[in-house]
């Protein structure tokens, strides 16, 4: 890539792959960053977990942000850890007032710690919790408005979720389409 420098608008790096103190990964990311805007995308903050945020993870992420000055820092609105054990999967949240308050508090803390806004990416839901009392679209909208964050939604996510999770709690199709067309929602396409 460095030899050819293809004409692309930006690069996305998986944050956790660069949580090292030195070596080839950071060396090459620095070289690429000199030519392209960079987005850091993480999967390990476990925003929805009830376990405390991992201070070591946050410290390493902040170090990357300070070193590379990325245009975007993003994380999935999921949970993936409990009691220090990581599932290596992006697990869906129950959409309740309690989980909404919880993730908003965690996101606010992370943004304060990093000194910058983070972009939140929702996931394709493959199940719906019986305890969910808020439609996904409304949950996302409240996160957006409370925290002044941006939500990234991959083009396949909302239709896939609607296909996988059929329930009155999902809201109607018109509302989901409206959320996708909102200017604070970035529609992304995964490569």
N, C-alpha and C. Protein backbone atom coordinates (compact mmCIF):
# COMPACT_ATOMS: atom_id res chain seq x y z
N UNK A 1 0.82 -1.19 0.00
CA UNK A 1 0.00 0.00 0.00
C UNK A 1 0.87 1.26 0.00
N UNK A 2 1.92 1.25 0.78
CA UNK A 2 2.80 2.41 0.83
C UNK A 2 3.52 2.64 -0.50
N UNK A 3 3.79 1.56 -1.24
CA UNK A 3 4.45 1.71 -2.53
C UNK A 3 3.55 2.38 -3.56
N UNK A 4 2.25 2.06 -3.53
CA UNK A 4 1.33 2.55 -4.56
C UNK A 4 0.48 3.73 -4.10
N UNK A 5 0.27 3.90 -2.81
CA UNK A 5 -0.59 4.94 -2.26
C UNK A 5 -1.88 5.09 -3.07
N UNK A 6 -2.76 4.10 -2.98
CA UNK A 6 -4.00 4.15 -3.76
C UNK A 6 -4.84 5.38 -3.41
N UNK A 7 -5.67 5.77 -4.35
CA UNK A 7 -6.52 6.94 -4.19
C UNK A 7 -7.77 6.56 -3.39
N UNK A 8 -7.63 6.57 -2.08
CA UNK A 8 -8.75 6.31 -1.17
C UNK A 8 -8.89 7.52 -0.25
N UNK A 9 -10.11 7.74 0.23
CA UNK A 9 -10.38 8.93 1.03
C UNK A 9 -9.84 8.88 2.45
N UNK A 10 -9.76 7.68 3.03
CA UNK A 10 -9.31 7.53 4.41
C UNK A 10 -9.07 6.06 4.70
N UNK A 11 -8.43 5.80 5.82
CA UNK A 11 -8.17 4.42 6.25
C UNK A 11 -8.77 4.21 7.63
N UNK A 12 -9.24 2.99 7.87
CA UNK A 12 -9.74 2.62 9.19
C UNK A 12 -8.83 1.56 9.78
N UNK A 13 -8.39 1.80 10.99
CA UNK A 13 -7.54 0.84 11.70
C UNK A 13 -8.29 0.33 12.93
N UNK A 14 -8.15 -0.95 13.20
CA UNK A 14 -8.77 -1.57 14.36
C UNK A 14 -7.92 -1.20 15.59
N UNK A 15 -8.46 -0.37 16.45
CA UNK A 15 -7.70 0.19 17.58
C UNK A 15 -6.91 -0.85 18.35
N UNK A 16 -7.59 -1.93 18.73
CA UNK A 16 -6.94 -2.92 19.60
C UNK A 16 -5.74 -3.59 18.94
N UNK A 17 -5.66 -3.58 17.62
CA UNK A 17 -4.50 -4.16 16.93
C UNK A 17 -3.24 -3.31 17.12
N UNK A 18 -3.39 -2.10 17.64
CA UNK A 18 -2.26 -1.19 17.80
C UNK A 18 -2.01 -0.83 19.26
N UNK A 19 -2.47 -1.67 20.16
CA UNK A 19 -2.23 -1.47 21.59
C UNK A 19 -0.87 -2.05 21.98
N UNK A 20 0.13 -1.73 21.23
CA UNK A 20 1.48 -2.22 21.51
C UNK A 20 2.39 -1.03 21.77
N UNK A 21 3.54 -1.28 22.31
CA UNK A 21 4.45 -0.20 22.67
C UNK A 21 5.33 0.25 21.50
N UNK A 22 5.42 -0.54 20.50
CA UNK A 22 6.27 -0.19 19.35
C UNK A 22 6.19 -1.30 18.32
N UNK A 23 7.15 -1.31 17.43
CA UNK A 23 7.21 -2.37 16.44
C UNK A 23 6.62 -2.00 15.11
N UNK A 24 6.57 -2.99 14.24
CA UNK A 24 6.14 -2.79 12.86
C UNK A 24 4.71 -2.26 12.73
N UNK A 25 3.72 -2.77 13.50
CA UNK A 25 2.36 -2.26 13.31
C UNK A 25 2.26 -0.74 13.47
N UNK A 26 2.82 -0.20 14.55
CA UNK A 26 2.76 1.24 14.76
C UNK A 26 3.61 2.00 13.74
N UNK A 27 4.73 1.44 13.38
CA UNK A 27 5.62 2.06 12.37
C UNK A 27 4.87 2.26 11.05
N UNK A 28 4.21 1.21 10.58
CA UNK A 28 3.52 1.30 9.30
C UNK A 28 2.24 2.14 9.39
N UNK A 29 1.58 2.11 10.52
CA UNK A 29 0.40 2.95 10.68
C UNK A 29 0.81 4.43 10.65
N UNK A 30 1.94 4.77 11.26
CA UNK A 30 2.43 6.15 11.20
C UNK A 30 2.74 6.56 9.77
N UNK A 31 3.37 5.67 9.01
CA UNK A 31 3.69 5.97 7.61
C UNK A 31 2.41 6.18 6.80
N UNK A 32 1.41 5.33 7.01
CA UNK A 32 0.14 5.47 6.30
C UNK A 32 -0.59 6.75 6.73
N UNK A 33 -0.53 7.06 8.01
CA UNK A 33 -1.20 8.26 8.54
C UNK A 33 -0.64 9.53 7.91
N UNK A 34 0.61 9.50 7.49
CA UNK A 34 1.22 10.66 6.84
C UNK A 34 0.58 10.95 5.48
N UNK A 35 -0.11 9.95 4.90
CA UNK A 35 -0.71 10.09 3.57
C UNK A 35 -2.23 10.11 3.57
N UNK A 36 -2.85 9.62 4.64
CA UNK A 36 -4.31 9.47 4.65
C UNK A 36 -4.90 9.91 5.99
N UNK A 37 -6.14 10.44 5.96
CA UNK A 37 -6.86 10.60 7.23
C UNK A 37 -7.12 9.21 7.82
N UNK A 38 -7.21 9.14 9.12
CA UNK A 38 -7.33 7.86 9.80
C UNK A 38 -8.56 7.83 10.68
N UNK A 39 -9.21 6.68 10.71
CA UNK A 39 -10.30 6.40 11.63
C UNK A 39 -9.87 5.24 12.50
N UNK A 40 -10.02 5.37 13.82
CA UNK A 40 -9.74 4.28 14.74
C UNK A 40 -11.06 3.64 15.15
N UNK A 41 -11.20 2.36 14.89
CA UNK A 41 -12.44 1.65 15.20
C UNK A 41 -12.16 0.54 16.20
N UNK A 42 -12.88 0.57 17.32
CA UNK A 42 -12.67 -0.42 18.35
C UNK A 42 -13.85 -1.35 18.53
N UNK A 43 -13.56 -2.48 19.14
CA UNK A 43 -14.61 -3.46 19.45
C UNK A 43 -14.51 -3.93 20.90
N UNK A 44 -13.60 -3.36 21.68
CA UNK A 44 -13.34 -3.90 23.01
C UNK A 44 -13.74 -3.05 24.20
N UNK A 45 -14.33 -1.88 23.99
CA UNK A 45 -14.72 -1.07 25.15
C UNK A 45 -15.91 -1.64 25.89
N UNK A 46 -16.70 -2.46 25.22
CA UNK A 46 -17.85 -3.11 25.84
C UNK A 46 -18.77 -2.08 26.50
N UNK A 47 -19.26 -1.15 25.67
CA UNK A 47 -20.06 -0.03 26.17
C UNK A 47 -21.26 -0.47 27.00
N UNK A 48 -21.85 -1.59 26.65
CA UNK A 48 -23.05 -2.03 27.36
C UNK A 48 -22.81 -2.96 28.53
N UNK A 49 -21.57 -3.31 28.79
CA UNK A 49 -21.28 -4.23 29.89
C UNK A 49 -21.55 -3.57 31.23
N UNK A 50 -21.92 -4.37 32.20
CA UNK A 50 -22.11 -3.84 33.55
C UNK A 50 -20.80 -3.81 34.33
N UNK A 51 -19.77 -4.44 33.79
CA UNK A 51 -18.44 -4.38 34.42
C UNK A 51 -17.87 -2.98 34.23
N UNK A 52 -17.03 -2.52 35.15
CA UNK A 52 -16.42 -1.20 34.98
C UNK A 52 -15.63 -1.13 33.67
N UNK A 53 -15.53 0.09 33.12
CA UNK A 53 -14.70 0.27 31.94
C UNK A 53 -13.27 -0.12 32.28
N UNK A 54 -12.60 -0.74 31.35
CA UNK A 54 -11.23 -1.20 31.56
C UNK A 54 -10.28 0.00 31.45
N UNK A 55 -9.69 0.44 32.57
CA UNK A 55 -8.83 1.63 32.53
C UNK A 55 -7.59 1.44 31.65
N UNK A 56 -7.06 0.22 31.59
CA UNK A 56 -5.89 -0.03 30.74
C UNK A 56 -6.26 0.12 29.26
N UNK A 57 -7.44 -0.38 28.91
CA UNK A 57 -7.93 -0.25 27.53
C UNK A 57 -8.09 1.23 27.17
N UNK A 58 -8.73 1.99 28.06
CA UNK A 58 -8.92 3.42 27.81
C UNK A 58 -7.60 4.17 27.68
N UNK A 59 -6.66 3.81 28.52
CA UNK A 59 -5.34 4.46 28.48
C UNK A 59 -4.65 4.19 27.14
N UNK A 60 -4.72 2.96 26.67
CA UNK A 60 -4.10 2.61 25.38
C UNK A 60 -4.82 3.30 24.22
N UNK A 61 -6.14 3.39 24.31
CA UNK A 61 -6.89 4.07 23.26
C UNK A 61 -6.53 5.56 23.23
N UNK A 62 -6.45 6.17 24.40
CA UNK A 62 -6.09 7.59 24.47
C UNK A 62 -4.70 7.83 23.90
N UNK A 63 -3.79 6.94 24.18
CA UNK A 63 -2.44 7.06 23.64
C UNK A 63 -2.46 7.03 22.11
N UNK A 64 -3.27 6.13 21.54
CA UNK A 64 -3.41 6.07 20.08
C UNK A 64 -4.02 7.36 19.53
N UNK A 65 -5.06 7.84 20.19
CA UNK A 65 -5.72 9.08 19.74
C UNK A 65 -4.73 10.23 19.76
N UNK A 66 -3.96 10.34 20.82
CA UNK A 66 -2.98 11.42 20.91
C UNK A 66 -1.86 11.27 19.87
N UNK A 67 -1.47 10.07 19.61
CA UNK A 67 -0.37 9.82 18.67
C UNK A 67 -0.78 10.03 17.21
N UNK A 68 -2.00 9.59 16.85
CA UNK A 68 -2.39 9.59 15.44
C UNK A 68 -3.41 10.66 15.06
N UNK A 69 -3.99 11.36 16.04
CA UNK A 69 -4.97 12.40 15.77
C UNK A 69 -5.98 11.97 14.70
N UNK A 70 -6.74 10.91 14.99
CA UNK A 70 -7.67 10.39 13.97
C UNK A 70 -8.84 11.34 13.71
N UNK A 71 -9.36 11.27 12.50
CA UNK A 71 -10.54 12.05 12.15
C UNK A 71 -11.76 11.51 12.89
N UNK A 72 -11.81 10.19 13.10
CA UNK A 72 -12.91 9.55 13.81
C UNK A 72 -12.38 8.51 14.78
N UNK A 73 -13.08 8.36 15.89
CA UNK A 73 -12.86 7.26 16.82
C UNK A 73 -14.24 6.63 17.00
N UNK A 74 -14.34 5.34 16.75
CA UNK A 74 -15.65 4.70 16.83
C UNK A 74 -15.61 3.43 17.66
N UNK A 75 -16.80 3.04 18.11
CA UNK A 75 -16.94 1.85 18.95
C UNK A 75 -18.35 1.31 18.76
N UNK A 76 -18.52 0.02 18.92
CA UNK A 76 -19.83 -0.61 18.79
C UNK A 76 -20.68 -0.41 20.04
N UNK A 77 -21.97 -0.20 19.85
CA UNK A 77 -22.91 -0.08 20.95
C UNK A 77 -23.38 -1.49 21.32
N UNK A 78 -22.49 -2.20 21.99
CA UNK A 78 -22.72 -3.60 22.37
C UNK A 78 -22.08 -3.86 23.72
N UNK A 79 -22.12 -5.09 24.12
CA UNK A 79 -21.30 -5.53 25.26
C UNK A 79 -20.57 -6.79 24.83
N UNK A 80 -19.39 -6.98 25.39
CA UNK A 80 -18.58 -8.13 24.99
C UNK A 80 -17.75 -8.68 26.14
N UNK A 81 -17.96 -8.14 27.32
CA UNK A 81 -17.18 -8.63 28.46
C UNK A 81 -18.01 -8.62 29.73
N UNK A 82 -17.63 -9.48 30.63
CA UNK A 82 -18.23 -9.52 31.95
C UNK A 82 -17.18 -10.07 32.91
N UNK A 83 -17.02 -9.39 34.03
CA UNK A 83 -16.06 -9.81 35.06
C UNK A 83 -14.67 -10.07 34.48
N UNK A 84 -14.23 -9.20 33.56
CA UNK A 84 -12.89 -9.30 32.99
C UNK A 84 -12.71 -10.37 31.93
N UNK A 85 -13.78 -11.06 31.58
CA UNK A 85 -13.71 -12.09 30.53
C UNK A 85 -14.34 -11.55 29.27
N UNK A 86 -13.61 -11.66 28.15
CA UNK A 86 -14.07 -11.13 26.87
C UNK A 86 -14.62 -12.26 26.01
N UNK A 87 -15.81 -12.02 25.45
CA UNK A 87 -16.49 -13.04 24.64
C UNK A 87 -16.05 -13.06 23.18
N UNK A 88 -15.35 -12.03 22.72
CA UNK A 88 -14.95 -11.91 21.31
C UNK A 88 -16.16 -11.99 20.39
N UNK A 89 -17.23 -11.34 20.82
CA UNK A 89 -18.45 -11.23 20.03
C UNK A 89 -19.09 -9.90 20.39
N UNK A 90 -19.84 -9.34 19.46
CA UNK A 90 -20.55 -8.09 19.70
C UNK A 90 -21.98 -8.44 20.08
N UNK A 91 -22.27 -8.42 21.36
CA UNK A 91 -23.55 -8.88 21.87
C UNK A 91 -24.54 -7.73 22.00
N UNK A 92 -25.80 -7.96 21.63
CA UNK A 92 -26.80 -6.89 21.65
C UNK A 92 -27.22 -6.51 23.07
N UNK A 93 -27.74 -5.30 23.18
CA UNK A 93 -28.20 -4.78 24.47
C UNK A 93 -29.71 -4.94 24.62
N UNK A 94 -30.18 -5.05 25.85
CA UNK A 94 -31.61 -4.87 26.05
C UNK A 94 -31.90 -3.37 25.97
N UNK A 95 -32.93 -2.99 25.28
CA UNK A 95 -33.26 -1.57 25.13
C UNK A 95 -34.25 -1.18 26.21
N UNK A 96 -33.69 -0.75 27.35
CA UNK A 96 -34.47 -0.34 28.52
C UNK A 96 -33.97 1.02 28.99
N UNK A 97 -34.74 1.66 29.85
CA UNK A 97 -34.31 2.94 30.43
C UNK A 97 -33.00 2.76 31.21
N UNK A 98 -32.90 1.65 31.92
CA UNK A 98 -31.69 1.38 32.71
C UNK A 98 -30.46 1.24 31.81
N UNK A 99 -30.56 0.46 30.73
CA UNK A 99 -29.39 0.29 29.85
C UNK A 99 -29.10 1.58 29.10
N UNK A 100 -30.12 2.36 28.79
CA UNK A 100 -29.91 3.65 28.12
C UNK A 100 -29.11 4.59 29.02
N UNK A 101 -29.51 4.71 30.26
CA UNK A 101 -28.77 5.56 31.21
C UNK A 101 -27.34 5.05 31.39
N UNK A 102 -27.20 3.74 31.46
CA UNK A 102 -25.89 3.13 31.66
C UNK A 102 -24.94 3.42 30.50
N UNK A 103 -25.38 3.16 29.26
CA UNK A 103 -24.47 3.39 28.13
C UNK A 103 -24.22 4.87 27.90
N UNK A 104 -25.21 5.72 28.16
CA UNK A 104 -24.98 7.16 28.02
C UNK A 104 -23.90 7.64 29.01
N UNK A 105 -23.96 7.13 30.23
CA UNK A 105 -22.94 7.48 31.22
C UNK A 105 -21.55 7.02 30.82
N UNK A 106 -21.47 5.81 30.28
CA UNK A 106 -20.18 5.27 29.86
C UNK A 106 -19.62 6.04 28.66
N UNK A 107 -20.48 6.33 27.69
CA UNK A 107 -20.03 7.07 26.52
C UNK A 107 -19.57 8.47 26.92
N UNK A 108 -20.31 9.14 27.80
CA UNK A 108 -19.91 10.47 28.27
C UNK A 108 -18.56 10.41 28.96
N UNK A 109 -18.35 9.39 29.79
CA UNK A 109 -17.07 9.23 30.48
C UNK A 109 -15.92 9.04 29.46
N UNK A 110 -16.14 8.20 28.48
CA UNK A 110 -15.12 7.93 27.47
C UNK A 110 -14.79 9.20 26.69
N UNK A 111 -15.84 9.93 26.28
CA UNK A 111 -15.60 11.17 25.53
C UNK A 111 -14.84 12.19 26.37
N UNK A 112 -15.19 12.31 27.65
CA UNK A 112 -14.46 13.22 28.54
C UNK A 112 -13.02 12.79 28.67
N UNK A 113 -12.79 11.50 28.84
CA UNK A 113 -11.43 10.98 29.02
C UNK A 113 -10.58 11.19 27.76
N UNK A 114 -11.17 10.92 26.60
CA UNK A 114 -10.42 11.07 25.35
C UNK A 114 -10.30 12.52 24.91
N UNK A 115 -11.22 13.36 25.40
CA UNK A 115 -11.22 14.76 24.97
C UNK A 115 -11.76 14.94 23.57
N UNK A 116 -12.56 13.97 23.11
CA UNK A 116 -13.15 14.08 21.78
C UNK A 116 -14.41 13.24 21.69
N UNK A 117 -15.20 13.56 20.68
CA UNK A 117 -16.43 12.82 20.43
C UNK A 117 -16.08 11.45 19.86
N UNK A 118 -16.88 10.45 20.20
CA UNK A 118 -16.72 9.15 19.56
C UNK A 118 -17.97 8.88 18.73
N UNK A 119 -17.77 8.11 17.69
CA UNK A 119 -18.86 7.68 16.83
C UNK A 119 -19.32 6.32 17.32
N UNK A 120 -20.62 6.12 17.40
CA UNK A 120 -21.18 4.87 17.89
C UNK A 120 -21.74 4.10 16.71
N UNK A 121 -21.41 2.82 16.64
CA UNK A 121 -21.93 1.97 15.57
C UNK A 121 -22.87 0.94 16.17
N UNK A 122 -24.08 0.88 15.62
CA UNK A 122 -25.00 -0.15 16.10
C UNK A 122 -24.72 -1.45 15.36
N UNK A 123 -25.36 -2.50 15.77
CA UNK A 123 -25.09 -3.82 15.19
C UNK A 123 -26.37 -4.42 14.65
N UNK A 124 -26.20 -5.45 13.85
CA UNK A 124 -27.36 -6.22 13.41
C UNK A 124 -27.81 -7.07 14.59
N UNK A 125 -29.05 -6.89 15.01
CA UNK A 125 -29.56 -7.67 16.13
C UNK A 125 -30.07 -9.02 15.62
N UNK A 126 -29.68 -10.05 16.31
CA UNK A 126 -30.16 -11.38 15.96
C UNK A 126 -31.10 -11.92 17.01
N UNK A 127 -31.36 -11.10 18.03
CA UNK A 127 -32.34 -11.47 19.04
C UNK A 127 -32.87 -10.20 19.69
N UNK A 128 -33.98 -10.33 20.34
CA UNK A 128 -34.60 -9.22 21.07
C UNK A 128 -34.83 -9.69 22.50
N UNK A 129 -34.41 -8.88 23.46
CA UNK A 129 -34.63 -9.23 24.85
C UNK A 129 -36.10 -9.00 25.21
N UNK A 130 -36.67 -9.92 25.96
CA UNK A 130 -38.05 -9.76 26.42
C UNK A 130 -38.18 -8.51 27.29
N UNK A 131 -37.09 -8.14 27.96
CA UNK A 131 -37.13 -6.98 28.85
C UNK A 131 -37.05 -5.65 28.11
N UNK A 132 -36.76 -5.66 26.82
CA UNK A 132 -36.67 -4.40 26.06
C UNK A 132 -38.01 -3.68 26.05
N UNK A 133 -37.95 -2.39 26.39
CA UNK A 133 -39.17 -1.58 26.42
C UNK A 133 -39.09 -0.38 25.48
N UNK A 134 -37.94 -0.21 24.82
CA UNK A 134 -37.71 0.93 23.92
C UNK A 134 -37.35 0.37 22.55
N UNK A 135 -37.96 0.87 21.49
CA UNK A 135 -37.54 0.43 20.15
C UNK A 135 -36.08 0.82 19.89
N UNK A 136 -35.38 0.02 19.11
CA UNK A 136 -33.97 0.29 18.82
C UNK A 136 -33.77 1.69 18.26
N UNK A 137 -34.61 2.09 17.30
CA UNK A 137 -34.44 3.40 16.69
C UNK A 137 -34.56 4.52 17.71
N UNK A 138 -35.47 4.36 18.69
CA UNK A 138 -35.66 5.39 19.72
C UNK A 138 -34.46 5.39 20.68
N UNK A 139 -33.98 4.22 21.02
CA UNK A 139 -32.80 4.09 21.88
C UNK A 139 -31.63 4.84 21.25
N UNK A 140 -31.38 4.59 19.96
CA UNK A 140 -30.28 5.27 19.26
C UNK A 140 -30.50 6.77 19.20
N UNK A 141 -31.74 7.18 18.95
CA UNK A 141 -32.04 8.61 18.87
C UNK A 141 -31.75 9.30 20.20
N UNK A 142 -32.11 8.68 21.31
CA UNK A 142 -31.86 9.28 22.62
C UNK A 142 -30.35 9.37 22.88
N UNK A 143 -29.60 8.34 22.53
CA UNK A 143 -28.14 8.39 22.68
C UNK A 143 -27.58 9.57 21.87
N UNK A 144 -28.04 9.71 20.63
CA UNK A 144 -27.57 10.79 19.75
C UNK A 144 -27.85 12.16 20.38
N UNK A 145 -29.06 12.36 20.84
CA UNK A 145 -29.45 13.68 21.33
C UNK A 145 -28.89 13.99 22.72
N UNK A 146 -28.79 13.02 23.58
CA UNK A 146 -28.26 13.27 24.93
C UNK A 146 -26.78 13.59 24.91
N UNK A 147 -26.05 12.91 24.03
CA UNK A 147 -24.60 13.00 24.09
C UNK A 147 -23.96 13.73 22.93
N UNK A 148 -24.76 14.21 21.99
CA UNK A 148 -24.21 14.86 20.81
C UNK A 148 -23.18 13.95 20.15
N UNK A 149 -23.56 12.70 19.95
CA UNK A 149 -22.70 11.75 19.25
C UNK A 149 -23.30 11.47 17.88
N UNK A 150 -22.51 10.85 17.06
CA UNK A 150 -22.97 10.42 15.75
C UNK A 150 -23.08 8.91 15.78
N UNK A 151 -24.06 8.38 15.09
CA UNK A 151 -24.24 6.94 14.99
C UNK A 151 -23.91 6.53 13.58
N UNK A 152 -23.11 5.50 13.45
CA UNK A 152 -22.83 4.93 12.14
C UNK A 152 -23.69 3.69 11.99
N UNK A 153 -24.34 3.59 10.87
CA UNK A 153 -25.13 2.39 10.61
C UNK A 153 -24.73 1.83 9.26
N UNK A 154 -24.26 0.61 9.25
CA UNK A 154 -23.91 -0.03 7.99
C UNK A 154 -25.18 -0.24 7.18
N UNK A 155 -25.08 -0.15 5.88
CA UNK A 155 -26.27 -0.21 5.02
C UNK A 155 -27.12 -1.45 5.26
N UNK A 156 -26.50 -2.53 5.68
CA UNK A 156 -27.26 -3.77 5.85
C UNK A 156 -27.86 -3.92 7.24
N UNK A 157 -27.51 -3.08 8.19
CA UNK A 157 -27.88 -3.33 9.58
C UNK A 157 -29.37 -3.20 9.85
N UNK A 158 -29.97 -2.07 9.51
CA UNK A 158 -31.38 -1.89 9.86
C UNK A 158 -32.29 -2.89 9.14
N UNK A 159 -32.13 -3.11 7.83
CA UNK A 159 -32.98 -4.13 7.20
C UNK A 159 -32.76 -5.52 7.78
N UNK A 160 -31.49 -5.86 8.11
CA UNK A 160 -31.20 -7.18 8.66
C UNK A 160 -31.82 -7.33 10.04
N UNK A 161 -31.72 -6.28 10.84
CA UNK A 161 -32.33 -6.32 12.17
C UNK A 161 -33.83 -6.49 12.05
N UNK A 162 -34.44 -5.75 11.12
CA UNK A 162 -35.89 -5.87 10.95
C UNK A 162 -36.28 -7.28 10.53
N UNK A 163 -35.45 -7.91 9.73
CA UNK A 163 -35.73 -9.28 9.29
C UNK A 163 -35.53 -10.26 10.44
N UNK A 164 -34.48 -10.05 11.23
CA UNK A 164 -34.16 -10.98 12.31
C UNK A 164 -35.05 -10.82 13.53
N UNK A 165 -35.44 -9.62 13.84
CA UNK A 165 -36.18 -9.33 15.06
C UNK A 165 -37.49 -8.66 14.68
N UNK A 166 -38.54 -9.43 14.57
CA UNK A 166 -39.84 -8.88 14.20
C UNK A 166 -40.64 -8.69 15.47
N UNK A 167 -40.93 -7.42 15.78
CA UNK A 167 -41.63 -7.12 17.02
C UNK A 167 -42.16 -5.71 16.96
N UNK A 168 -43.21 -5.43 17.69
CA UNK A 168 -43.71 -4.06 17.74
C UNK A 168 -42.70 -3.14 18.42
N UNK A 169 -41.76 -3.71 19.19
CA UNK A 169 -40.75 -2.89 19.85
C UNK A 169 -39.75 -2.30 18.87
N UNK A 170 -39.66 -2.85 17.67
CA UNK A 170 -38.72 -2.34 16.68
C UNK A 170 -39.20 -1.02 16.08
N UNK A 171 -40.45 -0.70 16.19
CA UNK A 171 -40.96 0.51 15.56
C UNK A 171 -41.37 0.21 14.13
N UNK A 172 -41.96 1.20 13.48
CA UNK A 172 -42.42 0.97 12.12
C UNK A 172 -41.32 1.30 11.12
N UNK A 173 -41.46 0.81 9.92
CA UNK A 173 -40.46 1.00 8.86
C UNK A 173 -40.22 2.47 8.56
N UNK A 174 -41.28 3.29 8.59
CA UNK A 174 -41.11 4.71 8.27
C UNK A 174 -40.19 5.40 9.27
N UNK A 175 -40.30 5.04 10.53
CA UNK A 175 -39.44 5.64 11.55
C UNK A 175 -38.00 5.21 11.35
N UNK A 176 -37.78 3.94 11.03
CA UNK A 176 -36.42 3.48 10.78
C UNK A 176 -35.82 4.16 9.56
N UNK A 177 -36.61 4.36 8.53
CA UNK A 177 -36.14 5.07 7.35
C UNK A 177 -35.79 6.51 7.72
N UNK A 178 -36.60 7.15 8.55
CA UNK A 178 -36.33 8.52 8.98
C UNK A 178 -35.02 8.59 9.76
N UNK A 179 -34.77 7.62 10.62
CA UNK A 179 -33.51 7.59 11.37
C UNK A 179 -32.33 7.47 10.42
N UNK A 180 -32.44 6.62 9.41
CA UNK A 180 -31.35 6.45 8.45
C UNK A 180 -31.09 7.72 7.65
N UNK A 181 -32.11 8.59 7.48
CA UNK A 181 -31.91 9.80 6.69
C UNK A 181 -31.55 11.01 7.55
N UNK A 182 -31.47 10.83 8.86
CA UNK A 182 -31.12 11.92 9.76
C UNK A 182 -29.69 12.37 9.50
N UNK A 183 -29.41 13.68 9.49
CA UNK A 183 -28.05 14.15 9.18
C UNK A 183 -27.00 13.76 10.20
N UNK A 184 -27.39 13.36 11.43
CA UNK A 184 -26.38 12.95 12.40
C UNK A 184 -26.09 11.46 12.35
N UNK A 185 -26.71 10.78 11.41
CA UNK A 185 -26.46 9.35 11.24
C UNK A 185 -25.58 9.17 10.01
N UNK A 186 -24.42 8.61 10.19
CA UNK A 186 -23.52 8.33 9.08
C UNK A 186 -23.84 6.95 8.56
N UNK A 187 -24.14 6.87 7.30
CA UNK A 187 -24.39 5.57 6.70
C UNK A 187 -23.07 5.07 6.15
N UNK A 188 -22.65 3.93 6.57
CA UNK A 188 -21.34 3.40 6.25
C UNK A 188 -21.51 2.14 5.42
N UNK A 189 -20.50 1.80 4.70
CA UNK A 189 -20.54 0.55 3.97
C UNK A 189 -19.28 -0.21 4.33
N UNK A 190 -19.46 -1.39 4.85
CA UNK A 190 -18.33 -2.22 5.26
C UNK A 190 -17.72 -2.87 4.04
N UNK A 191 -16.41 -2.90 4.00
CA UNK A 191 -15.72 -3.50 2.85
C UNK A 191 -15.32 -4.93 3.14
